[in-house]
Amino acid sequence: MNKAIKETRYCIVLKQAKKREKECAYGIEKIFVKSSNQEEIRFVYFKDTLRKKDQLIARPLDLPEADLIELIKEAIKKNVFSKEFVNSLKEVVNN
């Protein structure tokens, strides 16, 4: 397994693409979920709080399409998605 970015009781963050806007950030992560013993893709939202910078907020990620495209580009650049996933995505888009 690659060097972890972060580890919690729930999961190990393996890769992360994140975009920051003022006091919040959003991203796509590849995580290893301990309880199910499998890798998953997670959309995340972070907000600066009094407790800490980049506090993970437990709610869905809502973005305008243009921002989502930029985030997906960043995730591809940072190898968050596997090559197989990117190739499958290309097939879906081209069909």
PDB file of N, CA and C in Angstrom:
ATOM      1  N   MET A   1       0.856  -1.185   0.000  1.00  0.00           N
ATOM      2  CA  MET A   1       0.000   0.000   0.000  1.00  0.00           C
ATOM      3  C   MET A   1       0.895   1.239   0.000  1.00  0.00           C
ATOM      4  N   ASN A   2       0.472   2.280  -0.724  1.00  0.00           N
ATOM      5  CA  ASN A   2       1.231   3.533  -0.782  1.00  0.00           C
ATOM      6  C   ASN A   2       1.258   4.226   0.570  1.00  0.00           C
ATOM      7  N   LYS A   3       2.152   5.199   0.710  1.00  0.00           N
ATOM      8  CA  LYS A   3       2.219   5.998   1.923  1.00  0.00           C
ATOM      9  C   LYS A   3       0.885   6.717   2.122  1.00  0.00           C
ATOM     10  N   ALA A   4       0.338   6.606   3.310  1.00  0.00           N
ATOM     11  CA  ALA A   4      -0.965   7.201   3.616  1.00  0.00           C
ATOM     12  C   ALA A   4      -0.841   8.711   3.770  1.00  0.00           C
ATOM     13  N   ILE A   5      -1.852   9.430   3.286  1.00  0.00           N
ATOM     14  CA  ILE A   5      -1.950  10.870   3.496  1.00  0.00           C
ATOM     15  C   ILE A   5      -2.465  11.134   4.905  1.00  0.00           C
ATOM     16  N   LYS A   6      -3.422  10.310   5.311  1.00  0.00           N
ATOM     17  CA  LYS A   6      -4.035  10.459   6.629  1.00  0.00           C
ATOM     18  C   LYS A   6      -4.688   9.133   6.995  1.00  0.00           C
ATOM     19  N   GLU A   7      -4.772   8.855   8.296  1.00  0.00           N
ATOM     20  CA  GLU A   7      -5.457   7.655   8.747  1.00  0.00           C
ATOM     21  C   GLU A   7      -6.394   8.009   9.889  1.00  0.00           C
ATOM     22  N   THR A   8      -7.608   7.454   9.818  1.00  0.00           N
ATOM     23  CA  THR A   8      -8.596   7.610  10.879  1.00  0.00           C
ATOM     24  C   THR A   8      -9.051   6.215  11.298  1.00  0.00           C
ATOM     25  N   ARG A   9      -9.941   6.153  12.285  1.00  0.00           N
ATOM     26  CA  ARG A   9     -10.478   4.840  12.683  1.00  0.00           C
ATOM     27  C   ARG A   9     -11.246   4.210  11.525  1.00  0.00           C
ATOM     28  N   TYR A  10     -11.874   5.045  10.689  1.00  0.00           N
ATOM     29  CA  TYR A  10     -12.711   4.560   9.589  1.00  0.00           C
ATOM     30  C   TYR A  10     -11.902   4.118   8.372  1.00  0.00           C
ATOM     31  N   CYS A  11     -10.907   4.923   7.991  1.00  0.00           N
ATOM     32  CA  CYS A  11     -10.236   4.659   6.727  1.00  0.00           C
ATOM     33  C   CYS A  11      -8.813   5.199   6.691  1.00  0.00           C
ATOM     34  N   ILE A  12      -8.124   4.827   5.609  1.00  0.00           N
ATOM     35  CA  ILE A  12      -6.810   5.372   5.296  1.00  0.00           C
ATOM     36  C   ILE A  12      -6.979   6.155   3.992  1.00  0.00           C
ATOM     37  N   VAL A  13      -6.598   7.441   3.995  1.00  0.00           N
ATOM     38  CA  VAL A  13      -6.651   8.256   2.775  1.00  0.00           C
ATOM     39  C   VAL A  13      -5.374   7.966   1.988  1.00  0.00           C
ATOM     40  N   LEU A  14      -5.536   7.348   0.811  1.00  0.00           N
ATOM     41  CA  LEU A  14      -4.400   6.935   0.004  1.00  0.00           C
ATOM     42  C   LEU A  14      -3.945   8.030  -0.964  1.00  0.00           C
ATOM     43  N   LYS A  15      -4.905   8.661  -1.621  1.00  0.00           N
ATOM     44  CA  LYS A  15      -4.617   9.733  -2.581  1.00  0.00           C
ATOM     45  C   LYS A  15      -5.695  10.782  -2.447  1.00  0.00           C
ATOM     46  N   GLN A  16      -5.321  12.024  -2.818  1.00  0.00           N
ATOM     47  CA  GLN A  16      -6.282  13.114  -2.636  1.00  0.00           C
ATOM     48  C   GLN A  16      -6.031  14.203  -3.674  1.00  0.00           C
ATOM     49  N   ALA A  17      -7.109  14.692  -4.264  1.00  0.00           N
ATOM     50  CA  ALA A  17      -7.085  15.890  -5.104  1.00  0.00           C
ATOM     51  C   ALA A  17      -8.002  16.884  -4.422  1.00  0.00           C
ATOM     52  N   LYS A  18      -7.490  18.089  -4.152  1.00  0.00           N
ATOM     53  CA  LYS A  18      -8.269  19.055  -3.376  1.00  0.00           C
ATOM     54  C   LYS A  18      -8.125  20.441  -3.993  1.00  0.00           C
ATOM     55  N   LYS A  19      -9.228  21.169  -4.030  1.00  0.00           N
ATOM     56  CA  LYS A  19      -9.256  22.559  -4.488  1.00  0.00           C
ATOM     57  C   LYS A  19      -9.732  23.421  -3.331  1.00  0.00           C
ATOM     58  N   ARG A  20      -9.037  24.525  -3.079  1.00  0.00           N
ATOM     59  CA  ARG A  20      -9.369  25.424  -1.965  1.00  0.00           C
ATOM     60  C   ARG A  20      -9.977  26.705  -2.510  1.00  0.00           C
ATOM     61  N   GLU A  21     -11.017  27.177  -1.823  1.00  0.00           N
ATOM     62  CA  GLU A  21     -11.654  28.463  -2.109  1.00  0.00           C
ATOM     63  C   GLU A  21     -11.931  29.157  -0.788  1.00  0.00           C
ATOM     64  N   LYS A  22     -11.147  30.184  -0.489  1.00  0.00           N
ATOM     65  CA  LYS A  22     -11.258  30.948   0.766  1.00  0.00           C
ATOM     66  C   LYS A  22     -11.204  30.025   1.967  1.00  0.00           C
ATOM     67  N   GLU A  23     -12.269  29.957   2.777  1.00  0.00           N
ATOM     68  CA  GLU A  23     -12.202  29.145   3.987  1.00  0.00           C
ATOM     69  C   GLU A  23     -12.825  27.760   3.851  1.00  0.00           C
ATOM     70  N   CYS A  24     -12.919  27.259   2.621  1.00  0.00           N
ATOM     71  CA  CYS A  24     -13.400  25.895   2.423  1.00  0.00           C
ATOM     72  C   CYS A  24     -12.607  25.223   1.302  1.00  0.00           C
ATOM     73  N   ALA A  25     -12.728  23.916   1.229  1.00  0.00           N
ATOM     74  CA  ALA A  25     -12.067  23.142   0.182  1.00  0.00           C
ATOM     75  C   ALA A  25     -12.945  21.939  -0.137  1.00  0.00           C
ATOM     76  N   TYR A  26     -12.786  21.417  -1.336  1.00  0.00           N
ATOM     77  CA  TYR A  26     -13.513  20.221  -1.740  1.00  0.00           C
ATOM     78  C   TYR A  26     -12.558  19.320  -2.484  1.00  0.00           C
ATOM     79  N   GLY A  27     -12.872  18.034  -2.503  1.00  0.00           N
ATOM     80  CA  GLY A  27     -11.932  17.129  -3.136  1.00  0.00           C
ATOM     81  C   GLY A  27     -12.505  15.768  -3.450  1.00  0.00           C
ATOM     82  N   ILE A  28     -11.639  14.974  -4.074  1.00  0.00           N
ATOM     83  CA  ILE A  28     -11.922  13.575  -4.372  1.00  0.00           C
ATOM     84  C   ILE A  28     -10.760  12.790  -3.788  1.00  0.00           C
ATOM     85  N   GLU A  29     -11.090  11.738  -3.054  1.00  0.00           N
ATOM     86  CA  GLU A  29     -10.066  10.930  -2.414  1.00  0.00           C
ATOM     87  C   GLU A  29     -10.219   9.460  -2.782  1.00  0.00           C
ATOM     88  N   LYS A  30      -9.087   8.774  -2.831  1.00  0.00           N
ATOM     89  CA  LYS A  30      -9.110   7.315  -2.864  1.00  0.00           C
ATOM     90  C   LYS A  30      -8.814   6.892  -1.438  1.00  0.00           C
ATOM     91  N   ILE A  31      -9.731   6.117  -0.864  1.00  0.00           N
ATOM     92  CA  ILE A  31      -9.588   5.695   0.527  1.00  0.00           C
ATOM     93  C   ILE A  31      -9.625   4.173   0.623  1.00  0.00           C
ATOM     94  N   PHE A  32      -9.018   3.670   1.682  1.00  0.00           N
ATOM     95  CA  PHE A  32      -9.121   2.256   2.012  1.00  0.00           C
ATOM     96  C   PHE A  32      -9.997   2.166   3.258  1.00  0.00           C
ATOM     97  N   VAL A  33     -11.179   1.564   3.098  1.00  0.00           N
ATOM     98  CA  VAL A  33     -12.133   1.446   4.207  1.00  0.00           C
ATOM     99  C   VAL A  33     -11.781   0.181   5.000  1.00  0.00           C
ATOM    100  N   LYS A  34     -11.453   0.387   6.243  1.00  0.00           N
ATOM    101  CA  LYS A  34     -10.965  -0.711   7.083  1.00  0.00           C
ATOM    102  C   LYS A  34     -12.018  -1.791   7.309  1.00  0.00           C
ATOM    103  N   SER A  35     -13.251  -1.389   7.605  1.00  0.00           N
ATOM    104  CA  SER A  35     -14.284  -2.373   7.950  1.00  0.00           C
ATOM    105  C   SER A  35     -14.658  -3.290   6.786  1.00  0.00           C
ATOM    106  N   SER A  36     -14.591  -2.765   5.564  1.00  0.00           N
ATOM    107  CA  SER A  36     -14.950  -3.582   4.395  1.00  0.00           C
ATOM    108  C   SER A  36     -13.726  -4.101   3.654  1.00  0.00           C
ATOM    109  N   ASN A  37     -12.526  -3.671   4.084  1.00  0.00           N
ATOM    110  CA  ASN A  37     -11.273  -4.126   3.481  1.00  0.00           C
ATOM    111  C   ASN A  37     -11.243  -3.878   1.968  1.00  0.00           C
ATOM    112  N   GLN A  38     -11.684  -2.667   1.563  1.00  0.00           N
ATOM    113  CA  GLN A  38     -11.673  -2.340   0.130  1.00  0.00           C
ATOM    114  C   GLN A  38     -11.393  -0.863  -0.093  1.00  0.00           C
ATOM    115  N   GLU A  39     -10.906  -0.566  -1.314  1.00  0.00           N
ATOM    116  CA  GLU A  39     -10.667   0.818  -1.703  1.00  0.00           C
ATOM    117  C   GLU A  39     -11.955   1.416  -2.266  1.00  0.00           C
ATOM    118  N   GLU A  40     -12.169   2.697  -1.983  1.00  0.00           N
ATOM    119  CA  GLU A  40     -13.337   3.415  -2.484  1.00  0.00           C
ATOM    120  C   GLU A  40     -12.933   4.822  -2.893  1.00  0.00           C
ATOM    121  N   ILE A  41     -13.776   5.458  -3.701  1.00  0.00           N
ATOM    122  CA  ILE A  41     -13.625   6.861  -4.067  1.00  0.00           C
ATOM    123  C   ILE A  41     -14.602   7.652  -3.214  1.00  0.00           C
ATOM    124  N   ARG A  42     -14.117   8.739  -2.604  1.00  0.00           N
ATOM    125  CA  ARG A  42     -14.968   9.547  -1.730  1.00  0.00           C
ATOM    126  C   ARG A  42     -14.891  11.012  -2.157  1.00  0.00           C
ATOM    127  N   PHE A  43     -16.052  11.641  -2.305  1.00  0.00           N
ATOM    128  CA  PHE A  43     -16.134  13.083  -2.535  1.00  0.00           C
ATOM    129  C   PHE A  43     -16.185  13.734  -1.158  1.00  0.00           C
ATOM    130  N   VAL A  44     -15.360  14.771  -0.949  1.00  0.00           N
ATOM    131  CA  VAL A  44     -15.253  15.385   0.374  1.00  0.00           C
ATOM    132  C   VAL A  44     -15.403  16.900   0.313  1.00  0.00           C
ATOM    133  N   TYR A  45     -15.805  17.451   1.453  1.00  0.00           N
ATOM    134  CA  TYR A  45     -15.925  18.895   1.631  1.00  0.00           C
ATOM    135  C   TYR A  45     -15.282  19.250   2.965  1.00  0.00           C
ATOM    136  N   PHE A  46     -14.400  20.231   2.954  1.00  0.00           N
ATOM    137  CA  PHE A  46     -13.703  20.682   4.157  1.00  0.00           C
ATOM    138  C   PHE A  46     -14.027  22.143   4.411  1.00  0.00           C
ATOM    139  N   LYS A  47     -14.076  22.529   5.670  1.00  0.00           N
ATOM    140  CA  LYS A  47     -14.329  23.918   6.033  1.00  0.00           C
ATOM    141  C   LYS A  47     -13.411  24.285   7.194  1.00  0.00           C
ATOM    142  N   ASP A  48     -12.878  25.504   7.147  1.00  0.00           N
ATOM    143  CA  ASP A  48     -12.088  25.984   8.274  1.00  0.00           C
ATOM    144  C   ASP A  48     -13.037  26.289   9.421  1.00  0.00           C
ATOM    145  N   THR A  49     -12.747  25.714  10.578  1.00  0.00           N
ATOM    146  CA  THR A  49     -13.581  25.933  11.760  1.00  0.00           C
ATOM    147  C   THR A  49     -12.703  26.471  12.889  1.00  0.00           C
ATOM    148  N   LEU A  50     -13.328  26.802  13.987  1.00  0.00           N
ATOM    149  CA  LEU A  50     -12.559  27.245  15.146  1.00  0.00           C
ATOM    150  C   LEU A  50     -11.670  26.118  15.670  1.00  0.00           C
ATOM    151  N   ARG A  51     -12.134  24.889  15.519  1.00  0.00           N
ATOM    152  CA  ARG A  51     -11.368  23.735  16.003  1.00  0.00           C
ATOM    153  C   ARG A  51     -10.132  23.466  15.173  1.00  0.00           C
ATOM    154  N   LYS A  52     -10.266  23.557  13.826  1.00  0.00           N
ATOM    155  CA  LYS A  52      -9.114  23.281  12.973  1.00  0.00           C
ATOM    156  C   LYS A  52      -9.353  23.714  11.540  1.00  0.00           C
ATOM    157  N   LYS A  53      -8.262  23.878  10.794  1.00  0.00           N
ATOM    158  CA  LYS A  53      -8.333  24.179   9.366  1.00  0.00           C
ATOM    159  C   LYS A  53      -8.629  22.868   8.638  1.00  0.00           C
ATOM    160  N   ASP A  54      -9.393  22.952   7.601  1.00  0.00           N
ATOM    161  CA  ASP A  54      -9.751  21.775   6.790  1.00  0.00           C
ATOM    162  C   ASP A  54     -10.461  20.692   7.592  1.00  0.00           C
ATOM    163  N   GLN A  55     -11.454  21.077   8.375  1.00  0.00           N
ATOM    164  CA  GLN A  55     -12.300  20.127   9.107  1.00  0.00           C
ATOM    165  C   GLN A  55     -13.189  19.415   8.087  1.00  0.00           C
ATOM    166  N   LEU A  56     -13.147  18.086   8.058  1.00  0.00           N
ATOM    167  CA  LEU A  56     -14.000  17.319   7.159  1.00  0.00           C
ATOM    168  C   LEU A  56     -15.447  17.504   7.579  1.00  0.00           C
ATOM    169  N   ILE A  57     -16.288  17.913   6.648  1.00  0.00           N
ATOM    170  CA  ILE A  57     -17.710  18.121   6.900  1.00  0.00           C
ATOM    171  C   ILE A  57     -18.470  16.917   6.338  1.00  0.00           C
ATOM    172  N   ALA A  58     -19.242  16.291   7.175  1.00  0.00           N
ATOM    173  CA  ALA A  58     -19.966  15.084   6.771  1.00  0.00           C
ATOM    174  C   ALA A  58     -21.260  15.448   6.055  1.00  0.00           C
ATOM    175  N   ARG A  59     -21.144  15.767   4.784  1.00  0.00           N
ATOM    176  CA  ARG A  59     -22.323  16.033   3.947  1.00  0.00           C
ATOM    177  C   ARG A  59     -21.900  15.893   2.491  1.00  0.00           C
ATOM    178  N   PRO A  60     -22.851  15.744   1.590  1.00  0.00           N
ATOM    179  CA  PRO A  60     -22.499  15.568   0.176  1.00  0.00           C
ATOM    180  C   PRO A  60     -21.800  16.795  -0.397  1.00  0.00           C
ATOM    181  N   LEU A  61     -21.078  16.561  -1.445  1.00  0.00           N
ATOM    182  CA  LEU A  61     -20.369  17.614  -2.155  1.00  0.00           C
ATOM    183  C   LEU A  61     -21.270  18.126  -3.282  1.00  0.00           C
ATOM    184  N   ASP A  62     -21.609  19.407  -3.250  1.00  0.00           N
ATOM    185  CA  ASP A  62     -22.418  20.038  -4.298  1.00  0.00           C
ATOM    186  C   ASP A  62     -21.550  21.078  -4.990  1.00  0.00           C
ATOM    187  N   LEU A  63     -21.384  20.928  -6.298  1.00  0.00           N
ATOM    188  CA  LEU A  63     -20.536  21.852  -7.059  1.00  0.00           C
ATOM    189  C   LEU A  63     -21.174  22.205  -8.390  1.00  0.00           C
ATOM    190  N   PRO A  64     -20.895  23.408  -8.903  1.00  0.00           N
ATOM    191  CA  PRO A  64     -21.266  23.705 -10.284  1.00  0.00           C
ATOM    192  C   PRO A  64     -20.477  22.771 -11.211  1.00  0.00           C
ATOM    193  N   GLU A  65     -21.022  22.478 -12.369  1.00  0.00           N
ATOM    194  CA  GLU A  65     -20.369  21.550 -13.290  1.00  0.00           C
ATOM    195  C   GLU A  65     -18.946  21.972 -13.639  1.00  0.00           C
ATOM    196  N   ALA A  66     -18.701  23.260 -13.835  1.00  0.00           N
ATOM    197  CA  ALA A  66     -17.354  23.738 -14.199  1.00  0.00           C
ATOM    198  C   ALA A  66     -16.348  23.413 -13.089  1.00  0.00           C
ATOM    199  N   ASP A  67     -16.751  23.582 -11.832  1.00  0.00           N
ATOM    200  CA  ASP A  67     -15.862  23.265 -10.720  1.00  0.00           C
ATOM    201  C   ASP A  67     -15.643  21.758 -10.592  1.00  0.00           C
ATOM    202  N   LEU A  68     -16.682  20.979 -10.861  1.00  0.00           N
ATOM    203  CA  LEU A  68     -16.549  19.532 -10.806  1.00  0.00           C
ATOM    204  C   LEU A  68     -15.576  19.038 -11.876  1.00  0.00           C
ATOM    205  N   ILE A  69     -15.646  19.614 -13.073  1.00  0.00           N
ATOM    206  CA  ILE A  69     -14.700  19.254 -14.139  1.00  0.00           C
ATOM    207  C   ILE A  69     -13.275  19.556 -13.700  1.00  0.00           C
ATOM    208  N   GLU A  70     -13.053  20.734 -13.111  1.00  0.00           N
ATOM    209  CA  GLU A  70     -11.709  21.095 -12.646  1.00  0.00           C
ATOM    210  C   GLU A  70     -11.226  20.123 -11.572  1.00  0.00           C
ATOM    211  N   LEU A  71     -12.116  19.729 -10.686  1.00  0.00           N
ATOM    212  CA  LEU A  71     -11.761  18.790  -9.632  1.00  0.00           C
ATOM    213  C   LEU A  71     -11.427  17.413 -10.213  1.00  0.00           C
ATOM    214  N   ILE A  72     -12.203  16.960 -11.173  1.00  0.00           N
ATOM    215  CA  ILE A  72     -11.933  15.668 -11.812  1.00  0.00           C
ATOM    216  C   ILE A  72     -10.583  15.722 -12.535  1.00  0.00           C
ATOM    217  N   LYS A  73     -10.293  16.832 -13.219  1.00  0.00           N
ATOM    218  CA  LYS A  73      -8.975  16.991 -13.867  1.00  0.00           C
ATOM    219  C   LYS A  73      -7.850  16.864 -12.849  1.00  0.00           C
ATOM    220  N   GLU A  74      -8.008  17.517 -11.708  1.00  0.00           N
ATOM    221  CA  GLU A  74      -6.990  17.470 -10.656  1.00  0.00           C
ATOM    222  C   GLU A  74      -6.845  16.047 -10.112  1.00  0.00           C
ATOM    223  N   ALA A  75      -7.965  15.352  -9.943  1.00  0.00           N
ATOM    224  CA  ALA A  75      -7.919  13.974  -9.442  1.00  0.00           C
ATOM    225  C   ALA A  75      -7.208  13.051 -10.433  1.00  0.00           C
ATOM    226  N   ILE A  76      -7.433  13.257 -11.721  1.00  0.00           N
ATOM    227  CA  ILE A  76      -6.743  12.456 -12.740  1.00  0.00           C
ATOM    228  C   ILE A  76      -5.249  12.763 -12.702  1.00  0.00           C
ATOM    229  N   LYS A  77      -4.904  14.052 -12.599  1.00  0.00           N
ATOM    230  CA  LYS A  77      -3.501  14.462 -12.546  1.00  0.00           C
ATOM    231  C   LYS A  77      -2.787  13.873 -11.323  1.00  0.00           C
ATOM    232  N   LYS A  78      -3.491  13.780 -10.197  1.00  0.00           N
ATOM    233  CA  LYS A  78      -2.897  13.265  -8.955  1.00  0.00           C
ATOM    234  C   LYS A  78      -3.056  11.742  -8.821  1.00  0.00           C
ATOM    235  N   ASN A  79      -3.518  11.085  -9.890  1.00  0.00           N
ATOM    236  CA  ASN A  79      -3.682   9.629  -9.903  1.00  0.00           C
ATOM    237  C   ASN A  79      -4.613   9.100  -8.828  1.00  0.00           C
ATOM    238  N   VAL A  80      -5.634   9.874  -8.487  1.00  0.00           N
ATOM    239  CA  VAL A  80      -6.637   9.391  -7.533  1.00  0.00           C
ATOM    240  C   VAL A  80      -7.407   8.230  -8.160  1.00  0.00           C
ATOM    241  N   PHE A  81      -7.738   8.358  -9.442  1.00  0.00           N
ATOM    242  CA  PHE A  81      -8.444   7.301 -10.164  1.00  0.00           C
ATOM    243  C   PHE A  81      -7.432   6.357 -10.815  1.00  0.00           C
ATOM    244  N   SER A  82      -7.785   5.077 -10.881  1.00  0.00           N
ATOM    245  CA  SER A  82      -6.926   4.113 -11.577  1.00  0.00           C
ATOM    246  C   SER A  82      -7.001   4.353 -13.086  1.00  0.00           C
ATOM    247  N   LYS A  83      -6.006   3.853 -13.794  1.00  0.00           N
ATOM    248  CA  LYS A  83      -6.004   3.969 -15.266  1.00  0.00           C
ATOM    249  C   LYS A  83      -7.216   3.253 -15.859  1.00  0.00           C
ATOM    250  N   GLU A  84      -7.600   2.146 -15.248  1.00  0.00           N
ATOM    251  CA  GLU A  84      -8.766   1.399 -15.733  1.00  0.00           C
ATOM    252  C   GLU A  84     -10.035   2.239 -15.605  1.00  0.00           C
ATOM    253  N   PHE A  85     -10.161   2.943 -14.481  1.00  0.00           N
ATOM    254  CA  PHE A  85     -11.331   3.802 -14.283  1.00  0.00           C
ATOM    255  C   PHE A  85     -11.350   4.928 -15.311  1.00  0.00           C
ATOM    256  N   VAL A  86     -10.207   5.577 -15.535  1.00  0.00           N
ATOM    257  CA  VAL A  86     -10.123   6.683 -16.497  1.00  0.00           C
ATOM    258  C   VAL A  86     -10.464   6.177 -17.900  1.00  0.00           C
ATOM    259  N   ASN A  87      -9.951   5.003 -18.262  1.00  0.00           N
ATOM    260  CA  ASN A  87     -10.265   4.440 -19.573  1.00  0.00           C
ATOM    261  C   ASN A  87     -11.753   4.116 -19.695  1.00  0.00           C
ATOM    262  N   SER A  88     -12.349   3.584 -18.641  1.00  0.00           N
ATOM    263  CA  SER A  88     -13.790   3.302 -18.653  1.00  0.00           C
ATOM    264  C   SER A  88     -14.592   4.590 -18.768  1.00  0.00           C
ATOM    265  N   LEU A  89     -14.146   5.627 -18.075  1.00  0.00           N
ATOM    266  CA  LEU A  89     -14.811   6.929 -18.141  1.00  0.00           C
ATOM    267  C   LEU A  89     -14.748   7.492 -19.561  1.00  0.00           C
ATOM    268  N   LYS A  90     -13.608   7.343 -20.209  1.00  0.00           N
ATOM    269  CA  LYS A  90     -13.471   7.794 -21.607  1.00  0.00           C
ATOM    270  C   LYS A  90     -14.481   7.075 -22.494  1.00  0.00           C
ATOM    271  N   GLU A  91     -14.609   5.760 -22.294  1.00  0.00           N
ATOM    272  CA  GLU A  91     -15.568   4.981 -23.084  1.00  0.00           C
ATOM    273  C   GLU A  91     -16.992   5.481 -22.886  1.00  0.00           C
ATOM    274  N   VAL A  92     -17.353   5.749 -21.645  1.00  0.00           N
ATOM    275  CA  VAL A  92     -18.706   6.225 -21.342  1.00  0.00           C
ATOM    276  C   VAL A  92     -18.950   7.578 -22.020  1.00  0.00           C
ATOM    277  N   VAL A  93     -17.992   8.476 -21.925  1.00  0.00           N
ATOM    278  CA  VAL A  93     -18.144   9.807 -22.501  1.00  0.00           C
ATOM    279  C   VAL A  93     -18.204   9.758 -24.016  1.00  0.00           C
ATOM    280  N   ASN A  94     -17.434   8.871 -24.620  1.00  0.00           N
ATOM    281  CA  ASN A  94     -17.387   8.791 -26.075  1.00  0.00           C
ATOM    282  C   ASN A  94     -18.547   8.015 -26.698  1.00  0.00           C
ATOM    283  N   ASN A  95     -19.343   7.356 -25.894  1.00  0.00           N
ATOM    284  CA  ASN A  95     -20.476   6.582 -26.443  1.00  0.00           C
ATOM    285  C   ASN A  95     -21.776   7.262 -26.257  1.00  0.00           C
TER     286      ASN A  95
END
